[in-house]
C-alpha atoms as a PDB file:
ATOM      1  CA  MET A   1     -25.304  -4.286 -13.576  1.00  0.00           C
ATOM      2  CA  LYS A   2     -28.686  -3.495 -11.998  1.00  0.00           C
ATOM      3  CA  THR A   3     -29.208  -0.016 -10.660  1.00  0.00           C
ATOM      4  CA  SER A   4     -29.276  -0.867  -6.994  1.00  0.00           C
ATOM      5  CA  ALA A   5     -25.895  -2.579  -7.604  1.00  0.00           C
ATOM      6  CA  GLU A   6     -24.578   0.322  -9.199  1.00  0.00           C
ATOM      7  CA  ALA A   7     -25.737   2.602  -6.566  1.00  0.00           C
ATOM      8  CA  ASP A   8     -24.062   0.262  -3.940  1.00  0.00           C
ATOM      9  CA  PHE A   9     -20.674   0.491  -6.001  1.00  0.00           C
ATOM     10  CA  ARG A  10     -21.056   4.277  -6.057  1.00  0.00           C
ATOM     11  CA  GLU A  11     -21.324   4.326  -2.269  1.00  0.00           C
ATOM     12  CA  TYR A  12     -18.574   1.911  -1.774  1.00  0.00           C
ATOM     13  CA  VAL A  13     -16.240   4.113  -3.862  1.00  0.00           C
ATOM     14  CA  THR A  14     -17.254   7.363  -2.385  1.00  0.00           C
ATOM     15  CA  GLY A  15     -16.487   5.951   1.289  1.00  0.00           C
ATOM     16  CA  ARG A  16     -13.276   4.162   0.411  1.00  0.00           C
ATOM     17  CA  TRP A  17     -11.621   6.285  -2.002  1.00  0.00           C
ATOM     18  CA  PRO A  18      -9.678   8.597   0.387  1.00  0.00           C
ATOM     19  CA  ARG A  19      -8.263   5.581   2.195  1.00  0.00           C
ATOM     20  CA  MET A  20      -7.697   3.698  -1.020  1.00  0.00           C
ATOM     21  CA  LEU A  21      -5.814   6.696  -2.387  1.00  0.00           C
ATOM     22  CA  ARG A  22      -3.397   6.989   0.535  1.00  0.00           C
ATOM     23  CA  THR A  23      -2.520   3.196   0.581  1.00  0.00           C
ATOM     24  CA  ALA A  24      -1.867   3.442  -3.212  1.00  0.00           C
ATOM     25  CA  TYR A  25       0.209   6.643  -2.778  1.00  0.00           C
ATOM     26  CA  LEU A  26       2.473   4.679  -0.155  1.00  0.00           C
ATOM     27  CA  LEU A  27       2.563   1.893  -2.487  1.00  0.00           C
ATOM     28  CA  THR A  28       3.568   3.822  -5.558  1.00  0.00           C
ATOM     29  CA  GLY A  29       5.316   6.732  -4.147  1.00  0.00           C
ATOM     30  CA  ASN A  30       3.650   8.898  -6.886  1.00  0.00           C
ATOM     31  CA  HIS A  31       0.185  10.674  -6.608  1.00  0.00           C
ATOM     32  CA  HIS A  32      -0.563  10.267 -10.348  1.00  0.00           C
ATOM     33  CA  ASP A  33       0.482   6.594 -10.293  1.00  0.00           C
ATOM     34  CA  ALA A  34      -1.762   6.065  -7.080  1.00  0.00           C
ATOM     35  CA  GLU A  35      -4.920   7.577  -8.702  1.00  0.00           C
ATOM     36  CA  ASP A  36      -4.214   5.201 -11.678  1.00  0.00           C
ATOM     37  CA  LEU A  37      -3.904   2.319  -9.383  1.00  0.00           C
ATOM     38  CA  VAL A  38      -7.073   2.973  -7.314  1.00  0.00           C
ATOM     39  CA  GLN A  39      -8.993   3.463 -10.547  1.00  0.00           C
ATOM     40  CA  ALA A  40      -7.691   0.255 -12.082  1.00  0.00           C
ATOM     41  CA  ALA A  41      -8.541  -1.616  -8.826  1.00  0.00           C
ATOM     42  CA  LEU A  42     -12.009  -0.234  -8.905  1.00  0.00           C
ATOM     43  CA  ALA A  43     -12.718  -0.933 -12.320  1.00  0.00           C
ATOM     44  CA  LYS A  44     -11.708  -4.590 -11.971  1.00  0.00           C
ATOM     45  CA  ALA A  45     -13.816  -4.421  -8.545  1.00  0.00           C
ATOM     46  CA  TYR A  46     -16.821  -3.190 -10.741  1.00  0.00           C
ATOM     47  CA  THR A  47     -16.715  -5.910 -13.171  1.00  0.00           C
ATOM     48  CA  ARG A  48     -17.017  -8.355 -10.287  1.00  0.00           C
ATOM     49  CA  TRP A  49     -19.073  -6.382  -8.036  1.00  0.00           C
ATOM     50  CA  GLU A  50     -21.498  -9.203  -7.306  1.00  0.00           C
ATOM     51  CA  ARG A  51     -18.686 -11.451  -6.422  1.00  0.00           C
ATOM     52  CA  VAL A  52     -17.178  -8.410  -4.294  1.00  0.00           C
ATOM     53  CA  GLN A  53     -20.378  -8.167  -2.338  1.00  0.00           C
ATOM     54  CA  ARG A  54     -20.716 -11.855  -1.530  1.00  0.00           C
ATOM     55  CA  ALA A  55     -17.078 -11.893  -0.126  1.00  0.00           C
ATOM     56  CA  ASP A  56     -16.614 -12.287   3.579  1.00  0.00           C
ATOM     57  CA  ASP A  57     -14.661  -8.954   3.735  1.00  0.00           C
ATOM     58  CA  PRO A  58     -15.402  -6.904   0.640  1.00  0.00           C
ATOM     59  CA  ASP A  59     -12.721  -4.412   1.460  1.00  0.00           C
ATOM     60  CA  ALA A  60     -10.094  -6.999   1.799  1.00  0.00           C
ATOM     61  CA  TYR A  61     -11.114  -8.246  -1.660  1.00  0.00           C
ATOM     62  CA  VAL A  62     -10.871  -4.816  -3.144  1.00  0.00           C
ATOM     63  CA  TRP A  63      -7.610  -4.142  -1.486  1.00  0.00           C
ATOM     64  CA  ARG A  64      -6.203  -7.388  -2.783  1.00  0.00           C
ATOM     65  CA  ILE A  65      -7.146  -6.502  -6.246  1.00  0.00           C
ATOM     66  CA  MET A  66      -5.145  -3.133  -5.692  1.00  0.00           C
ATOM     67  CA  ILE A  67      -2.223  -4.972  -4.272  1.00  0.00           C
ATOM     68  CA  ASN A  68      -2.232  -7.442  -7.089  1.00  0.00           C
ATOM     69  CA  SER A  69      -2.542  -4.670  -9.726  1.00  0.00           C
ATOM     70  CA  ASN A  70       0.413  -2.632  -8.094  1.00  0.00           C
ATOM     71  CA  VAL A  71       2.433  -5.802  -8.422  1.00  0.00           C
ATOM     72  CA  ASP A  72       1.507  -6.379 -12.010  1.00  0.00           C
ATOM     73  CA  ARG A  73       2.276  -2.434 -12.711  1.00  0.00           C
ATOM     74  CA  LEU A  74       5.661  -2.913 -11.256  1.00  0.00           C
ATOM     75  CA  ARG A  75       6.465  -5.882 -13.514  1.00  0.00           C
ATOM     76  CA  GLY A  76       5.522  -3.966 -16.470  1.00  0.00           C
ATOM     77  CA  LEU A  77       7.749  -0.883 -15.220  1.00  0.00           C
ATOM     78  CA  ARG A  78      11.018  -2.874 -15.044  1.00  0.00           C
ATOM     79  CA  VAL A  79      11.420  -2.374 -18.859  1.00  0.00           C
ATOM     80  CA  ARG A  80       9.922   1.020 -19.497  1.00  0.00           C
ATOM     81  CA  GLU A  81      10.966   3.320 -16.635  1.00  0.00           C
ATOM     82  CA  TRP A  82      14.218   4.293 -15.088  1.00  0.00           C
ATOM     83  CA  PRO A  83      14.066   5.279 -11.497  1.00  0.00           C
ATOM     84  CA  THR A  84      16.017   8.311 -10.429  1.00  0.00           C
ATOM     85  CA  THR A  85      16.796  10.370  -7.666  1.00  0.00           C
ATOM     86  CA  ARG A  86      16.481  13.725  -9.684  1.00  0.00           C
ATOM     87  CA  PHE A  87      13.112  15.250 -10.224  1.00  0.00           C
ATOM     88  CA  PRO A  88      12.358  17.934 -12.859  1.00  0.00           C
ATOM     89  CA  ASP A  89      10.015  19.985 -10.555  1.00  0.00           C
ATOM     90  CA  SER A  90      10.700  20.495  -7.004  1.00  0.00           C
ATOM     91  CA  GLN A  91       8.372  18.939  -4.547  1.00  0.00           C
ATOM     92  CA  ALA A  92       6.280  21.243  -2.223  1.00  0.00           C
ATOM     93  CA  ALA A  93       6.262  20.283   1.317  1.00  0.00           C
ATOM     94  CA  ASP A  94       2.971  18.664   2.679  1.00  0.00           C
ATOM     95  CA  ARG A  95       1.962  20.578   5.789  1.00  0.00           C
ATOM     96  CA  THR A  96      -0.694  17.925   6.779  1.00  0.00           C
ATOM     97  CA  ASP A  97       1.970  15.321   7.721  1.00  0.00           C
ATOM     98  CA  GLN A  98       4.990  16.993   9.114  1.00  0.00           C
ATOM     99  CA  VAL A  99       6.077  14.105  11.521  1.00  0.00           C
ATOM    100  CA  VAL A 100       7.382  11.840   8.685  1.00  0.00           C
ATOM    101  CA  ASP A 101       9.954  12.881   6.220  1.00  0.00           C
ATOM    102  CA  ARG A 102       7.927  11.275   3.249  1.00  0.00           C
ATOM    103  CA  SER A 103      10.738  11.380   0.724  1.00  0.00           C
ATOM    104  CA  LEU A 104      13.121   9.145   2.858  1.00  0.00           C
ATOM    105  CA  LEU A 105      10.168   6.907   3.732  1.00  0.00           C
ATOM    106  CA  LEU A 106       9.084   6.575  -0.032  1.00  0.00           C
ATOM    107  CA  GLU A 107      12.561   5.790  -1.138  1.00  0.00           C
ATOM    108  CA  ALA A 108      13.002   3.330   1.651  1.00  0.00           C
ATOM    109  CA  LEU A 109       9.639   1.774   0.688  1.00  0.00           C
ATOM    110  CA  GLY A 110      10.621   1.895  -2.988  1.00  0.00           C
ATOM    111  CA  ARG A 111      13.671  -0.438  -2.442  1.00  0.00           C
ATOM    112  CA  LEU A 112      11.635  -3.204  -0.975  1.00  0.00           C
ATOM    113  CA  PRO A 113      10.175  -5.772  -2.978  1.00  0.00           C
ATOM    114  CA  ALA A 114       6.456  -5.271  -3.935  1.00  0.00           C
ATOM    115  CA  ARG A 115       4.978  -7.918  -1.346  1.00  0.00           C
ATOM    116  CA  GLN A 116       7.284  -6.776   1.373  1.00  0.00           C
ATOM    117  CA  ARG A 117       6.294  -3.114   0.660  1.00  0.00           C
ATOM    118  CA  ALA A 118       2.497  -4.029   0.694  1.00  0.00           C
ATOM    119  CA  VAL A 119       2.965  -5.768   4.126  1.00  0.00           C
ATOM    120  CA  VAL A 120       4.712  -2.886   5.501  1.00  0.00           C
ATOM    121  CA  VAL A 121       2.211  -0.271   4.079  1.00  0.00           C
ATOM    122  CA  LEU A 122      -0.585  -2.322   5.433  1.00  0.00           C
ATOM    123  CA  ARG A 123       0.801  -3.279   8.838  1.00  0.00           C
ATOM    124  CA  PHE A 124       2.421  -0.101   9.844  1.00  0.00           C
ATOM    125  CA  LEU A 125       1.035   2.850   7.866  1.00  0.00           C
ATOM    126  CA  GLU A 126      -2.468   1.383   7.538  1.00  0.00           C
ATOM    127  CA  ASP A 127      -2.317   0.129  11.123  1.00  0.00           C
ATOM    128  CA  ARG A 128      -3.877  -3.396  10.249  1.00  0.00           C
ATOM    129  CA  SER A 129      -3.251  -6.622  12.223  1.00  0.00           C
ATOM    130  CA  GLU A 130      -1.300  -9.524  10.841  1.00  0.00           C
ATOM    131  CA  SER A 131      -4.408 -11.412  10.343  1.00  0.00           C
ATOM    132  CA  GLU A 132      -6.026  -8.525   8.429  1.00  0.00           C
ATOM    133  CA  VAL A 133      -3.123  -8.207   6.272  1.00  0.00           C
ATOM    134  CA  ALA A 134      -3.095 -11.967   5.460  1.00  0.00           C
ATOM    135  CA  LYS A 135      -6.692 -11.755   4.608  1.00  0.00           C
ATOM    136  CA  VAL A 136      -5.998  -8.701   2.200  1.00  0.00           C
ATOM    137  CA  LEU A 137      -3.119 -10.493   0.539  1.00  0.00           C
ATOM    138  CA  GLY A 138      -4.707 -13.690   0.526  1.00  0.00           C
ATOM    139  CA  THR A 139      -1.983 -15.343   2.259  1.00  0.00           C
ATOM    140  CA  ARG A 140      -1.184 -16.945   5.807  1.00  0.00           C
ATOM    141  CA  VAL A 141      -0.464 -15.038   8.806  1.00  0.00           C
ATOM    142  CA  GLY A 142       3.102 -16.763   8.903  1.00  0.00           C
ATOM    143  CA  THR A 143       3.872 -15.452   5.427  1.00  0.00           C
ATOM    144  CA  VAL A 144       2.886 -11.872   6.595  1.00  0.00           C
ATOM    145  CA  ARG A 145       5.236 -12.379   9.668  1.00  0.00           C
ATOM    146  CA  SER A 146       8.095 -13.467   7.370  1.00  0.00           C
ATOM    147  CA  HIS A 147       7.806 -10.713   4.806  1.00  0.00           C
ATOM    148  CA  THR A 148       7.542  -8.242   7.804  1.00  0.00           C
ATOM    149  CA  ALA A 149      10.695  -9.668   9.496  1.00  0.00           C
ATOM    150  CA  ARG A 150      12.649  -9.466   6.128  1.00  0.00           C
ATOM    151  CA  ALA A 151      11.143  -6.025   5.313  1.00  0.00           C
ATOM    152  CA  LEU A 152      12.156  -4.556   8.589  1.00  0.00           C
ATOM    153  CA  ALA A 153      15.642  -6.115   8.479  1.00  0.00           C
ATOM    154  CA  LYS A 154      16.287  -4.615   5.070  1.00  0.00           C
ATOM    155  CA  LEU A 155      14.935  -1.300   6.376  1.00  0.00           C
ATOM    156  CA  ARG A 156      17.282  -1.314   9.371  1.00  0.00           C
ATOM    157  CA  ARG A 157      20.206  -2.293   7.150  1.00  0.00           C
ATOM    158  CA  ASP A 158      19.149   0.609   4.937  1.00  0.00           C
ATOM    159  CA  GLY A 159      19.104   3.145   7.738  1.00  0.00           C
ATOM    160  CA  ALA A 160      17.041   5.616   5.822  1.00  0.00           C
ATOM    161  CA  VAL A 161      13.930   5.267   8.224  1.00  0.00           C
ATOM    162  CA  LEU A 162      15.546   5.102  11.598  1.00  0.00           C
ATOM    163  CA  GLY A 163      14.472   7.914  13.669  1.00  0.00           C
ATOM    164  CA  LEU A 164      11.566   8.794  11.494  1.00  0.00           C
ATOM    165  CA  GLY A 165       7.853   9.148  12.526  1.00  0.00           C
ATOM    166  CA  ASP A 166       5.800   8.817  15.624  1.00  0.00           C
ATOM    167  CA  GLY A 167       6.773   5.206  16.684  1.00  0.00           C
ATOM    168  CA  ARG A 168       4.539   3.738  14.086  1.00  0.00           C
ATOM    169  CA  THR A 169       7.655   3.049  11.536  1.00  0.00           C
ATOM    170  CA  PRO A 170       9.990   0.361  12.202  1.00  0.00           C
ATOM    171  CA  ALA A 171      11.810   0.377  15.416  1.00  0.00           C
ATOM    172  CA  PRO A 172      15.588   0.281  15.475  1.00  0.00           C
ATOM    173  CA  SER A 173      17.527  -3.014  15.611  1.00  0.00           C
ATOM    174  CA  GLY A 174      16.848  -4.872  18.723  1.00  0.00           C
ATOM    175  CA  ALA A 175      13.482  -3.767  19.363  1.00  0.00           C
ATOM    176  CA  GLY A 176      10.482  -6.096  18.250  1.00  0.00           C
ATOM    177  CA  ALA A 177       8.224  -5.212  15.713  1.00  0.00           C
ATOM    178  CA  ARG A 178       4.670  -4.663  17.068  1.00  0.00           C
ATOM    179  CA  ARG A 179       2.071  -7.442  16.533  1.00  0.00           C
END
């Protein structure tokens, strides 16, 4: 890769790392897995950097790499890891985000299929529009809407996220999702 392309990539990573890490954390539920996911996505983006730069929306291209890498990661984990509700160390409270009870939200997100989880994270926690989410996931707006509807229905049945947050989390049954 040429020196200017490397400089462009470094600038891209520096500017996007915090947001990508936050999204990856919401997708994985674990800080270490989130860092691994972002690094894997950026490594793939680096090998295709010229193609990424030529894309209509380079951010959507890289976010799609990250979403797909997470889906691939989850496929591999089904055999090797066993989810548990018991943790060996107690988790320290995060004082920067006291509005949302992270553990309930992450558990609820963890019970959603990977694509539905990606749509909920991008739509409600990343505050992206349906068309932006469709672009990131490389799908149609209608597919985003159906994944959103199914995910919200499952979260409502689950009941774990009702009453959490500042209005950006899914609304109780009967209220429409924001578009």
